[in-house]
Amino acid sequence: MCYKKDMFNKTDEYASKFLGKKVDGSDVYNPSYLVAVPRYENRKQYNINNKDLPFEGCDVWHAYEFSSMTNNGLPFTRLLKLKYSCQSEFIVESKSLKLYLNSFNMSRFGSSIEDGLLICKEIIKKDLSTLLKTDTELCFLSNDVKRNFIFSEFDNILDYVNESELNIERFKEAPELLEVEQLQQYSKYFLSFDSLRSNCRVTHQPDFGDVFVYYKSQKHIKEDSLVKYLCSFRSEYHFHEECCEMIFKRLYDILNATNDELLVAILYTRRGGIDICPIRWSKNCSILQTATPLTDTAKYVRNSIKQ
């Protein structure tokens, strides 16, 4: 238990450089705000081998308040969409990213808006790729970008349960709530749950998201047990990326067959002008086209009014 406590403290130490603290912003571009947090510490708790991940995927970010100026002081404001691989050694801490992006606000780049956006894109790509030690893709989206809807084939999981018979009492992550039954043949399931709540591990502020689970298996995860399990995150304290990987690993472990397919995505609502949308899938997943709009940084993707 001491090891687990120390591990948490080490991660929190990285993340709390700015998170939960009053920080004066910078009027000058300042990459020193960026803070990297290692992924491996949380993964150890769930027997996820950082050298042999059971999934592929990426973390998709939307920063809705990016703004800077041209050389002559003309402001330009865009939605910044970026992504990087889940195989990266680090994640970027969200408040540090916000402070970093805000440092562009009063800085001047380029002789025109188009030129300024291009310069900012190259700067951000270089800074994040260096920080995370992995390639970072990004794109600025303007107001006229087409809105793409995603995961439309996923059914609300509550349509498969009797709400009046649900008795939910566990609000700390409880994988033992998950129940499966064996089937005679492989079946596909597309399920969504729009009331995931977890909490920031440093500030304890709540985070809300919509969860999307696809799996193909000869095992059937009983929907009422999956609802109870997802509700058990309500008093958990983890980063968005960690929650997605925890859910994936728990489902992966109970399905546990070579030919089974699994995809877990969470579209979190924005907080502080930024949202994070992690997605993980098994290496044999056959429905990746359903997630393509989300992982394409040039596309603007929504699913519900909360996003």
C-alpha atoms as a PDB file:
ATOM      1  CA  MET A   1       0.000   0.000   0.000  1.00  0.00           C
ATOM      2  CA  CYS A   2       2.907   2.362   0.678  1.00  0.00           C
ATOM      3  CA  TYR A   3       4.140   1.857  -2.868  1.00  0.00           C
ATOM      4  CA  LYS A   4       0.765   2.820  -4.295  1.00  0.00           C
ATOM      5  CA  LYS A   5       0.579   5.906  -2.072  1.00  0.00           C
ATOM      6  CA  ASP A   6       4.086   7.016  -3.070  1.00  0.00           C
ATOM      7  CA  MET A   7       3.234   6.440  -6.706  1.00  0.00           C
ATOM      8  CA  PHE A   8       0.193   8.670  -6.447  1.00  0.00           C
ATOM      9  CA  ASN A   9       2.159  11.377  -4.704  1.00  0.00           C
ATOM     10  CA  LYS A  10       4.819  11.369  -7.386  1.00  0.00           C
ATOM     11  CA  THR A  11       2.263  11.794 -10.154  1.00  0.00           C
ATOM     12  CA  ASP A  12       0.432  14.477  -8.214  1.00  0.00           C
ATOM     13  CA  GLU A  13       3.707  16.292  -7.659  1.00  0.00           C
ATOM     14  CA  TYR A  14       4.211  16.631 -11.416  1.00  0.00           C
ATOM     15  CA  ALA A  15       0.609  17.657 -12.041  1.00  0.00           C
ATOM     16  CA  SER A  16       0.302  20.164  -9.213  1.00  0.00           C
ATOM     17  CA  LYS A  17       2.977  22.559 -10.485  1.00  0.00           C
ATOM     18  CA  PHE A  18       0.159  24.844 -11.671  1.00  0.00           C
ATOM     19  CA  LEU A  19      -3.018  22.819 -11.162  1.00  0.00           C
ATOM     20  CA  GLY A  20      -5.047  24.063  -8.205  1.00  0.00           C
ATOM     21  CA  LYS A  21      -2.893  27.170  -7.808  1.00  0.00           C
ATOM     22  CA  LYS A  22      -3.305  30.832  -8.677  1.00  0.00           C
ATOM     23  CA  VAL A  23      -0.900  31.597 -11.508  1.00  0.00           C
ATOM     24  CA  ASP A  24      -0.309  34.913 -13.226  1.00  0.00           C
ATOM     25  CA  GLY A  25      -0.419  34.588 -16.988  1.00  0.00           C
ATOM     26  CA  SER A  26       2.250  35.726 -19.388  1.00  0.00           C
ATOM     27  CA  ASP A  27       1.929  38.428 -22.040  1.00  0.00           C
ATOM     28  CA  VAL A  28       4.814  36.818 -23.914  1.00  0.00           C
ATOM     29  CA  TYR A  29       4.940  33.389 -25.555  1.00  0.00           C
ATOM     30  CA  ASN A  30       6.259  31.083 -22.840  1.00  0.00           C
ATOM     31  CA  PRO A  31       6.829  27.348 -23.467  1.00  0.00           C
ATOM     32  CA  SER A  32       8.130  26.861 -19.920  1.00  0.00           C
ATOM     33  CA  TYR A  33       4.521  26.620 -18.720  1.00  0.00           C
ATOM     34  CA  LEU A  34       4.176  23.151 -20.265  1.00  0.00           C
ATOM     35  CA  VAL A  35       4.242  20.228 -17.814  1.00  0.00           C
ATOM     36  CA  ALA A  36       4.567  16.565 -18.800  1.00  0.00           C
ATOM     37  CA  VAL A  37       3.071  13.845 -16.585  1.00  0.00           C
ATOM     38  CA  PRO A  38       4.266  10.236 -17.053  1.00  0.00           C
ATOM     39  CA  ARG A  39       1.637   7.682 -17.996  1.00  0.00           C
ATOM     40  CA  TYR A  40       3.321   4.630 -16.517  1.00  0.00           C
ATOM     41  CA  GLU A  41       2.526   5.286 -12.865  1.00  0.00           C
ATOM     42  CA  ASN A  42      -1.233   4.958 -13.196  1.00  0.00           C
ATOM     43  CA  ARG A  43      -0.871   2.097 -15.664  1.00  0.00           C
ATOM     44  CA  LYS A  44       1.057   0.034 -13.123  1.00  0.00           C
ATOM     45  CA  GLN A  45      -1.996  -0.082 -10.865  1.00  0.00           C
ATOM     46  CA  TYR A  46      -4.029  -1.836 -13.544  1.00  0.00           C
ATOM     47  CA  ASN A  47      -1.333  -4.203 -14.782  1.00  0.00           C
ATOM     48  CA  ILE A  48      -0.944  -2.310 -18.031  1.00  0.00           C
ATOM     49  CA  ASN A  49       2.531  -3.008 -19.371  1.00  0.00           C
ATOM     50  CA  ASN A  50       3.904   0.236 -20.745  1.00  0.00           C
ATOM     51  CA  LYS A  51       6.208  -1.759 -23.028  1.00  0.00           C
ATOM     52  CA  ASP A  52       3.419  -3.978 -24.374  1.00  0.00           C
ATOM     53  CA  LEU A  53       0.136  -2.053 -24.319  1.00  0.00           C
ATOM     54  CA  PRO A  54      -3.067  -4.082 -24.794  1.00  0.00           C
ATOM     55  CA  PHE A  55      -4.501  -1.239 -26.858  1.00  0.00           C
ATOM     56  CA  GLU A  56      -3.793   1.383 -29.469  1.00  0.00           C
ATOM     57  CA  GLY A  57      -5.293   4.856 -29.544  1.00  0.00           C
ATOM     58  CA  CYS A  58      -4.742   8.531 -28.967  1.00  0.00           C
ATOM     59  CA  ASP A  59      -5.726  11.513 -26.866  1.00  0.00           C
ATOM     60  CA  VAL A  60      -7.668  14.195 -28.734  1.00  0.00           C
ATOM     61  CA  TRP A  61      -7.804  17.715 -27.296  1.00  0.00           C
ATOM     62  CA  HIS A  62      -9.949  20.703 -28.225  1.00  0.00           C
ATOM     63  CA  ALA A  63      -8.790  24.122 -27.038  1.00  0.00           C
ATOM     64  CA  TYR A  64     -11.650  26.509 -27.794  1.00  0.00           C
ATOM     65  CA  GLU A  65      -9.986  29.769 -26.817  1.00  0.00           C
ATOM     66  CA  PHE A  66      -6.724  29.927 -28.737  1.00  0.00           C
ATOM     67  CA  SER A  67      -5.934  33.494 -29.742  1.00  0.00           C
ATOM     68  CA  SER A  68      -2.933  35.468 -30.897  1.00  0.00           C
ATOM     69  CA  MET A  69      -2.139  38.569 -32.988  1.00  0.00           C
ATOM     70  CA  THR A  70      -0.479  39.475 -36.251  1.00  0.00           C
ATOM     71  CA  ASN A  71       2.565  41.734 -36.359  1.00  0.00           C
ATOM     72  CA  ASN A  72       0.280  44.779 -36.705  1.00  0.00           C
ATOM     73  CA  GLY A  73      -1.811  43.818 -33.635  1.00  0.00           C
ATOM     74  CA  LEU A  74      -4.816  42.264 -35.398  1.00  0.00           C
ATOM     75  CA  PRO A  75      -6.207  39.477 -33.170  1.00  0.00           C
ATOM     76  CA  PHE A  76      -7.194  36.073 -34.538  1.00  0.00           C
ATOM     77  CA  THR A  77      -9.028  33.373 -32.584  1.00  0.00           C
ATOM     78  CA  ARG A  78      -9.534  29.723 -33.490  1.00  0.00           C
ATOM     79  CA  LEU A  79     -10.453  26.333 -32.100  1.00  0.00           C
ATOM     80  CA  LEU A  80      -7.262  24.316 -31.790  1.00  0.00           C
ATOM     81  CA  LYS A  81      -7.631  20.549 -32.201  1.00  0.00           C
ATOM     82  CA  LEU A  82      -4.635  18.371 -31.425  1.00  0.00           C
ATOM     83  CA  LYS A  83      -3.831  14.722 -30.831  1.00  0.00           C
ATOM     84  CA  TYR A  84      -0.963  12.475 -29.840  1.00  0.00           C
ATOM     85  CA  SER A  85      -0.547   8.734 -29.466  1.00  0.00           C
ATOM     86  CA  CYS A  86      -1.352   6.796 -26.302  1.00  0.00           C
ATOM     87  CA  GLN A  87       2.077   5.227 -26.781  1.00  0.00           C
ATOM     88  CA  SER A  88       3.701   8.499 -25.762  1.00  0.00           C
ATOM     89  CA  GLU A  89       5.622   8.340 -22.510  1.00  0.00           C
ATOM     90  CA  PHE A  90       3.841  11.422 -21.178  1.00  0.00           C
ATOM     91  CA  ILE A  91       0.588  13.345 -21.217  1.00  0.00           C
ATOM     92  CA  VAL A  92       0.473  17.128 -21.046  1.00  0.00           C
ATOM     93  CA  GLU A  93      -1.125  18.498 -17.887  1.00  0.00           C
ATOM     94  CA  SER A  94      -4.240  20.443 -18.859  1.00  0.00           C
ATOM     95  CA  LYS A  95      -3.768  23.672 -16.887  1.00  0.00           C
ATOM     96  CA  SER A  96      -0.179  23.925 -18.052  1.00  0.00           C
ATOM     97  CA  LEU A  97      -1.423  23.638 -21.637  1.00  0.00           C
ATOM     98  CA  LYS A  98      -3.990  26.370 -21.003  1.00  0.00           C
ATOM     99  CA  LEU A  99      -1.362  28.702 -19.531  1.00  0.00           C
ATOM    100  CA  TYR A 100       0.961  27.923 -22.420  1.00  0.00           C
ATOM    101  CA  LEU A 101      -1.691  28.638 -25.052  1.00  0.00           C
ATOM    102  CA  ASN A 102      -2.728  31.819 -23.239  1.00  0.00           C
ATOM    103  CA  SER A 103       0.841  33.064 -23.543  1.00  0.00           C
ATOM    104  CA  PHE A 104       0.159  33.459 -27.272  1.00  0.00           C
ATOM    105  CA  ASN A 105      -2.644  35.972 -26.594  1.00  0.00           C
ATOM    106  CA  MET A 106      -0.521  39.125 -26.602  1.00  0.00           C
ATOM    107  CA  SER A 107       2.300  37.784 -28.739  1.00  0.00           C
ATOM    108  CA  ARG A 108       2.617  38.756 -32.399  1.00  0.00           C
ATOM    109  CA  PHE A 109       3.249  36.365 -35.258  1.00  0.00           C
ATOM    110  CA  GLY A 110       3.186  36.902 -39.013  1.00  0.00           C
ATOM    111  CA  SER A 111       2.234  39.628 -41.453  1.00  0.00           C
ATOM    112  CA  SER A 112      -1.282  38.210 -41.933  1.00  0.00           C
ATOM    113  CA  ILE A 113      -3.755  35.987 -40.079  1.00  0.00           C
ATOM    114  CA  GLU A 114      -2.963  33.075 -42.373  1.00  0.00           C
ATOM    115  CA  ASP A 115       0.752  33.545 -41.822  1.00  0.00           C
ATOM    116  CA  GLY A 116       0.274  33.946 -38.058  1.00  0.00           C
ATOM    117  CA  LEU A 117      -1.734  30.726 -37.798  1.00  0.00           C
ATOM    118  CA  LEU A 118       0.916  28.817 -39.717  1.00  0.00           C
ATOM    119  CA  ILE A 119       3.696  30.129 -37.472  1.00  0.00           C
ATOM    120  CA  CYS A 120       1.721  29.339 -34.291  1.00  0.00           C
ATOM    121  CA  LYS A 121       0.948  25.844 -35.575  1.00  0.00           C
ATOM    122  CA  GLU A 122       4.621  25.061 -36.145  1.00  0.00           C
ATOM    123  CA  ILE A 123       5.618  26.469 -32.746  1.00  0.00           C
ATOM    124  CA  ILE A 124       2.979  24.483 -30.860  1.00  0.00           C
ATOM    125  CA  LYS A 125       3.715  21.295 -32.769  1.00  0.00           C
ATOM    126  CA  LYS A 126       7.427  21.578 -31.996  1.00  0.00           C
ATOM    127  CA  ASP A 127       6.912  22.430 -28.314  1.00  0.00           C
ATOM    128  CA  LEU A 128       4.429  19.625 -27.626  1.00  0.00           C
ATOM    129  CA  SER A 129       6.305  17.021 -29.652  1.00  0.00           C
ATOM    130  CA  THR A 130       9.468  17.874 -27.728  1.00  0.00           C
ATOM    131  CA  LEU A 131       7.697  17.820 -24.364  1.00  0.00           C
ATOM    132  CA  LEU A 132       5.893  14.524 -24.976  1.00  0.00           C
ATOM    133  CA  LYS A 133       8.680  12.890 -26.986  1.00  0.00           C
ATOM    134  CA  THR A 134       6.198  11.924 -29.677  1.00  0.00           C
ATOM    135  CA  ASP A 135       4.718  13.432 -32.808  1.00  0.00           C
ATOM    136  CA  THR A 136       1.837  15.805 -32.121  1.00  0.00           C
ATOM    137  CA  GLU A 137      -0.702  16.591 -34.844  1.00  0.00           C
ATOM    138  CA  LEU A 138      -2.798  19.755 -34.739  1.00  0.00           C
ATOM    139  CA  CYS A 139      -5.049  21.981 -36.785  1.00  0.00           C
ATOM    140  CA  PHE A 140      -6.790  25.332 -36.304  1.00  0.00           C
ATOM    141  CA  LEU A 141     -10.516  25.172 -37.062  1.00  0.00           C
ATOM    142  CA  SER A 142     -12.514  28.242 -38.071  1.00  0.00           C
ATOM    143  CA  ASN A 143     -16.209  29.006 -37.543  1.00  0.00           C
ATOM    144  CA  ASP A 144     -17.219  27.669 -40.951  1.00  0.00           C
ATOM    145  CA  VAL A 145     -15.855  24.162 -40.356  1.00  0.00           C
ATOM    146  CA  LYS A 146     -18.385  21.385 -40.948  1.00  0.00           C
ATOM    147  CA  ARG A 147     -19.772  19.677 -37.857  1.00  0.00           C
ATOM    148  CA  ASN A 148     -19.411  15.882 -37.991  1.00  0.00           C
ATOM    149  CA  PHE A 149     -21.454  13.657 -35.718  1.00  0.00           C
ATOM    150  CA  ILE A 150     -19.853  10.508 -34.382  1.00  0.00           C
ATOM    151  CA  PHE A 151     -20.862   7.201 -32.790  1.00  0.00           C
ATOM    152  CA  SER A 152     -24.434   7.469 -34.095  1.00  0.00           C
ATOM    153  CA  GLU A 153     -24.682   3.663 -34.220  1.00  0.00           C
ATOM    154  CA  PHE A 154     -24.138   3.397 -30.463  1.00  0.00           C
ATOM    155  CA  ASP A 155     -27.272   2.770 -28.365  1.00  0.00           C
ATOM    156  CA  ASN A 156     -27.983   4.306 -24.992  1.00  0.00           C
ATOM    157  CA  ILE A 157     -27.200   1.539 -22.527  1.00  0.00           C
ATOM    158  CA  LEU A 158     -30.160   2.543 -20.364  1.00  0.00           C
ATOM    159  CA  ASP A 159     -32.442   1.286 -23.132  1.00  0.00           C
ATOM    160  CA  TYR A 160     -31.285  -2.227 -22.182  1.00  0.00           C
ATOM    161  CA  VAL A 161     -31.868  -2.073 -18.432  1.00  0.00           C
ATOM    162  CA  ASN A 162     -34.824  -1.692 -16.129  1.00  0.00           C
ATOM    163  CA  GLU A 163     -34.114   1.616 -14.439  1.00  0.00           C
ATOM    164  CA  SER A 164     -36.469   0.889 -11.544  1.00  0.00           C
ATOM    165  CA  GLU A 165     -34.540  -2.272 -10.668  1.00  0.00           C
ATOM    166  CA  LEU A 166     -31.125  -0.651 -10.615  1.00  0.00           C
ATOM    167  CA  ASN A 167     -29.616  -0.277  -7.164  1.00  0.00           C
ATOM    168  CA  ILE A 168     -26.368   1.688  -7.405  1.00  0.00           C
ATOM    169  CA  GLU A 169     -24.369   1.997  -4.213  1.00  0.00           C
ATOM    170  CA  ARG A 170     -20.688   1.804  -5.229  1.00  0.00           C
ATOM    171  CA  PHE A 171     -18.990   5.056  -6.183  1.00  0.00           C
ATOM    172  CA  LYS A 172     -15.335   4.019  -6.104  1.00  0.00           C
ATOM    173  CA  GLU A 173     -14.134   2.069  -9.125  1.00  0.00           C
ATOM    174  CA  ALA A 174     -15.387  -1.483  -8.631  1.00  0.00           C
ATOM    175  CA  PRO A 175     -14.604  -3.941 -11.470  1.00  0.00           C
ATOM    176  CA  GLU A 176     -16.106  -6.769  -9.442  1.00  0.00           C
ATOM    177  CA  LEU A 177     -19.512  -5.323 -10.379  1.00  0.00           C
ATOM    178  CA  LEU A 178     -19.026  -6.457 -13.978  1.00  0.00           C
ATOM    179  CA  GLU A 179     -20.896  -9.629 -14.904  1.00  0.00           C
ATOM    180  CA  VAL A 180     -20.634 -11.663 -18.098  1.00  0.00           C
ATOM    181  CA  GLU A 181     -22.462 -14.588 -19.621  1.00  0.00           C
ATOM    182  CA  GLN A 182     -21.195 -17.002 -22.240  1.00  0.00           C
ATOM    183  CA  LEU A 183     -22.808 -17.022 -25.685  1.00  0.00           C
ATOM    184  CA  GLN A 184     -22.823 -19.635 -28.426  1.00  0.00           C
ATOM    185  CA  GLN A 185     -21.566 -17.259 -31.088  1.00  0.00           C
ATOM    186  CA  TYR A 186     -19.795 -13.944 -31.505  1.00  0.00           C
ATOM    187  CA  SER A 187     -21.981 -10.861 -31.159  1.00  0.00           C
ATOM    188  CA  LYS A 188     -21.305  -7.140 -31.544  1.00  0.00           C
ATOM    189  CA  TYR A 189     -22.393  -4.508 -29.033  1.00  0.00           C
ATOM    190  CA  PHE A 190     -22.444  -0.716 -29.460  1.00  0.00           C
ATOM    191  CA  LEU A 191     -23.258   1.005 -26.174  1.00  0.00           C
ATOM    192  CA  SER A 192     -23.106   4.553 -24.817  1.00  0.00           C
ATOM    193  CA  PHE A 193     -23.498   6.046 -21.357  1.00  0.00           C
ATOM    194  CA  ASP A 194     -23.903   9.814 -21.057  1.00  0.00           C
ATOM    195  CA  SER A 195     -23.415  10.290 -17.316  1.00  0.00           C
ATOM    196  CA  LEU A 196     -19.836   9.354 -16.525  1.00  0.00           C
ATOM    197  CA  ARG A 197     -18.407  11.470 -13.742  1.00  0.00           C
ATOM    198  CA  SER A 198     -14.891  11.339 -12.392  1.00  0.00           C
ATOM    199  CA  ASN A 199     -12.807  13.971 -10.628  1.00  0.00           C
ATOM    200  CA  CYS A 200      -9.494  15.694 -11.193  1.00  0.00           C
ATOM    201  CA  ARG A 201      -6.902  13.909  -9.083  1.00  0.00           C
ATOM    202  CA  VAL A 202      -5.322  17.203  -7.949  1.00  0.00           C
ATOM    203  CA  THR A 203      -8.109  19.795  -7.630  1.00  0.00           C
ATOM    204  CA  HIS A 204     -10.950  17.259  -7.089  1.00  0.00           C
ATOM    205  CA  GLN A 205     -13.132  19.233  -9.496  1.00  0.00           C
ATOM    206  CA  PRO A 206     -15.698  17.043 -11.298  1.00  0.00           C
ATOM    207  CA  ASP A 207     -15.291  15.970 -14.920  1.00  0.00           C
ATOM    208  CA  PHE A 208     -18.245  14.774 -16.985  1.00  0.00           C
ATOM    209  CA  GLY A 209     -18.193  12.701 -20.132  1.00  0.00           C
ATOM    210  CA  ASP A 210     -20.049  10.409 -22.519  1.00  0.00           C
ATOM    211  CA  VAL A 211     -18.613   6.879 -22.724  1.00  0.00           C
ATOM    212  CA  PHE A 212     -18.774   4.744 -25.863  1.00  0.00           C
ATOM    213  CA  VAL A 213     -18.060   1.024 -25.671  1.00  0.00           C
ATOM    214  CA  TYR A 214     -17.916  -1.358 -28.612  1.00  0.00           C
ATOM    215  CA  TYR A 215     -17.045  -5.002 -28.226  1.00  0.00           C
ATOM    216  CA  LYS A 216     -17.301  -8.200 -30.230  1.00  0.00           C
ATOM    217  CA  SER A 217     -17.143 -11.379 -28.202  1.00  0.00           C
ATOM    218  CA  GLN A 218     -18.721 -14.684 -27.291  1.00  0.00           C
ATOM    219  CA  LYS A 219     -19.161 -13.172 -23.875  1.00  0.00           C
ATOM    220  CA  HIS A 220     -21.979 -10.769 -23.114  1.00  0.00           C
ATOM    221  CA  ILE A 221     -21.337  -8.078 -20.508  1.00  0.00           C
ATOM    222  CA  LYS A 222     -24.631  -7.653 -18.694  1.00  0.00           C
ATOM    223  CA  GLU A 223     -25.752  -4.085 -19.295  1.00  0.00           C
ATOM    224  CA  ASP A 224     -26.966  -3.431 -15.760  1.00  0.00           C
ATOM    225  CA  SER A 225     -23.564  -4.478 -14.413  1.00  0.00           C
ATOM    226  CA  LEU A 226     -21.794  -2.192 -16.895  1.00  0.00           C
ATOM    227  CA  VAL A 227     -23.972   0.727 -15.813  1.00  0.00           C
ATOM    228  CA  LYS A 228     -23.111   0.050 -12.170  1.00  0.00           C
ATOM    229  CA  TYR A 229     -19.432  -0.164 -13.020  1.00  0.00           C
ATOM    230  CA  LEU A 230     -19.391   3.118 -14.941  1.00  0.00           C
ATOM    231  CA  CYS A 231     -21.267   4.798 -12.082  1.00  0.00           C
ATOM    232  CA  SER A 232     -18.562   3.595  -9.704  1.00  0.00           C
ATOM    233  CA  PHE A 233     -16.224   6.240 -11.161  1.00  0.00           C
ATOM    234  CA  ARG A 234     -18.334   8.967  -9.590  1.00  0.00           C
ATOM    235  CA  SER A 235     -15.972   9.416  -6.639  1.00  0.00           C
ATOM    236  CA  GLU A 236     -12.760   8.429  -8.402  1.00  0.00           C
ATOM    237  CA  TYR A 237      -9.874  10.899  -8.790  1.00  0.00           C
ATOM    238  CA  HIS A 238      -8.051  10.391 -12.061  1.00  0.00           C
ATOM    239  CA  PHE A 239      -7.121  12.193 -15.237  1.00  0.00           C
ATOM    240  CA  HIS A 240      -9.365  11.713 -18.275  1.00  0.00           C
ATOM    241  CA  GLU A 241      -6.828   9.529 -20.072  1.00  0.00           C
ATOM    242  CA  GLU A 242      -6.442   7.315 -17.018  1.00  0.00           C
ATOM    243  CA  CYS A 243     -10.192   6.700 -16.730  1.00  0.00           C
ATOM    244  CA  CYS A 244     -10.412   5.623 -20.352  1.00  0.00           C
ATOM    245  CA  GLU A 245      -7.556   3.162 -19.939  1.00  0.00           C
ATOM    246  CA  MET A 246      -8.952   1.827 -16.670  1.00  0.00           C
ATOM    247  CA  ILE A 247     -12.309   1.088 -18.289  1.00  0.00           C
ATOM    248  CA  PHE A 248     -10.642  -0.497 -21.315  1.00  0.00           C
ATOM    249  CA  LYS A 249      -8.394  -2.723 -19.185  1.00  0.00           C
ATOM    250  CA  ARG A 250     -11.217  -3.929 -16.945  1.00  0.00           C
ATOM    251  CA  LEU A 251     -13.365  -4.882 -19.950  1.00  0.00           C
ATOM    252  CA  TYR A 252     -10.373  -6.357 -21.774  1.00  0.00           C
ATOM    253  CA  ASP A 253      -9.631  -8.582 -18.789  1.00  0.00           C
ATOM    254  CA  ILE A 254     -13.136 -10.011 -18.475  1.00  0.00           C
ATOM    255  CA  LEU A 255     -13.517 -10.603 -22.227  1.00  0.00           C
ATOM    256  CA  ASN A 256      -9.991 -11.992 -22.444  1.00  0.00           C
ATOM    257  CA  ALA A 257     -10.141 -13.870 -25.748  1.00  0.00           C
ATOM    258  CA  THR A 258      -7.723 -13.556 -28.638  1.00  0.00           C
ATOM    259  CA  ASN A 259     -10.400 -12.799 -31.217  1.00  0.00           C
ATOM    260  CA  ASP A 260     -12.426 -10.391 -29.100  1.00  0.00           C
ATOM    261  CA  GLU A 261     -12.583  -6.753 -30.213  1.00  0.00           C
ATOM    262  CA  LEU A 262     -12.909  -3.758 -27.926  1.00  0.00           C
ATOM    263  CA  LEU A 263     -13.073   0.017 -28.273  1.00  0.00           C
ATOM    264  CA  VAL A 264     -13.573   2.570 -25.496  1.00  0.00           C
ATOM    265  CA  ALA A 265     -13.881   6.302 -26.114  1.00  0.00           C
ATOM    266  CA  ILE A 266     -14.833   9.107 -23.748  1.00  0.00           C
ATOM    267  CA  LEU A 267     -15.934  12.504 -24.988  1.00  0.00           C
ATOM    268  CA  TYR A 268     -15.511  14.757 -21.980  1.00  0.00           C
ATOM    269  CA  THR A 269     -17.231  18.110 -21.694  1.00  0.00           C
ATOM    270  CA  ARG A 270     -14.980  21.143 -21.710  1.00  0.00           C
ATOM    271  CA  ARG A 271     -13.664  22.727 -18.534  1.00  0.00           C
ATOM    272  CA  GLY A 272     -11.617  25.908 -18.623  1.00  0.00           C
ATOM    273  CA  GLY A 273     -12.048  26.148 -22.366  1.00  0.00           C
ATOM    274  CA  ILE A 274     -10.460  22.741 -23.025  1.00  0.00           C
ATOM    275  CA  ASP A 275     -11.819  19.232 -23.436  1.00  0.00           C
ATOM    276  CA  ILE A 276      -9.953  15.938 -23.661  1.00  0.00           C
ATOM    277  CA  CYS A 277     -11.315  12.979 -25.612  1.00  0.00           C
ATOM    278  CA  PRO A 278      -9.257   9.797 -25.115  1.00  0.00           C
ATOM    279  CA  ILE A 279      -9.927   6.739 -27.271  1.00  0.00           C
ATOM    280  CA  ARG A 280      -8.457   3.236 -26.996  1.00  0.00           C
ATOM    281  CA  TRP A 281      -9.039   0.164 -29.150  1.00  0.00           C
ATOM    282  CA  SER A 282      -7.804  -3.412 -29.345  1.00  0.00           C
ATOM    283  CA  LYS A 283      -5.189  -4.067 -31.977  1.00  0.00           C
ATOM    284  CA  ASN A 284      -7.609  -6.219 -33.984  1.00  0.00           C
ATOM    285  CA  CYS A 285     -10.528  -3.743 -33.825  1.00  0.00           C
ATOM    286  CA  SER A 286     -12.471  -3.764 -37.106  1.00  0.00           C
ATOM    287  CA  ILE A 287     -14.613  -0.635 -36.669  1.00  0.00           C
ATOM    288  CA  LEU A 288     -11.968   2.069 -36.540  1.00  0.00           C
ATOM    289  CA  GLN A 289     -13.714   3.940 -39.341  1.00  0.00           C
ATOM    290  CA  THR A 290     -16.384   4.938 -36.836  1.00  0.00           C
ATOM    291  CA  ALA A 291     -13.743   6.878 -34.889  1.00  0.00           C
ATOM    292  CA  THR A 292     -11.940   8.398 -37.880  1.00  0.00           C
ATOM    293  CA  PRO A 293     -13.644  11.821 -37.647  1.00  0.00           C
ATOM    294  CA  LEU A 294     -12.550  12.107 -34.014  1.00  0.00           C
ATOM    295  CA  THR A 295      -8.929  11.237 -34.722  1.00  0.00           C
ATOM    296  CA  ASP A 296      -8.750  13.502 -37.784  1.00  0.00           C
ATOM    297  CA  THR A 297      -7.494  16.865 -36.505  1.00  0.00           C
ATOM    298  CA  ALA A 298      -8.990  18.685 -39.509  1.00  0.00           C
ATOM    299  CA  LYS A 299     -12.542  17.630 -38.576  1.00  0.00           C
ATOM    300  CA  TYR A 300     -14.864  19.077 -35.952  1.00  0.00           C
ATOM    301  CA  VAL A 301     -16.689  16.267 -34.179  1.00  0.00           C
ATOM    302  CA  ARG A 302     -19.634  16.283 -31.789  1.00  0.00           C
ATOM    303  CA  ASN A 303     -22.015  13.672 -30.418  1.00  0.00           C
ATOM    304  CA  SER A 304     -24.319  15.471 -27.998  1.00  0.00           C
ATOM    305  CA  ILE A 305     -25.237  18.969 -26.868  1.00  0.00           C
ATOM    306  CA  LYS A 306     -22.818  18.639 -23.943  1.00  0.00           C
ATOM    307  CA  GLN A 307     -19.786  18.658 -26.201  1.00  0.00           C
END
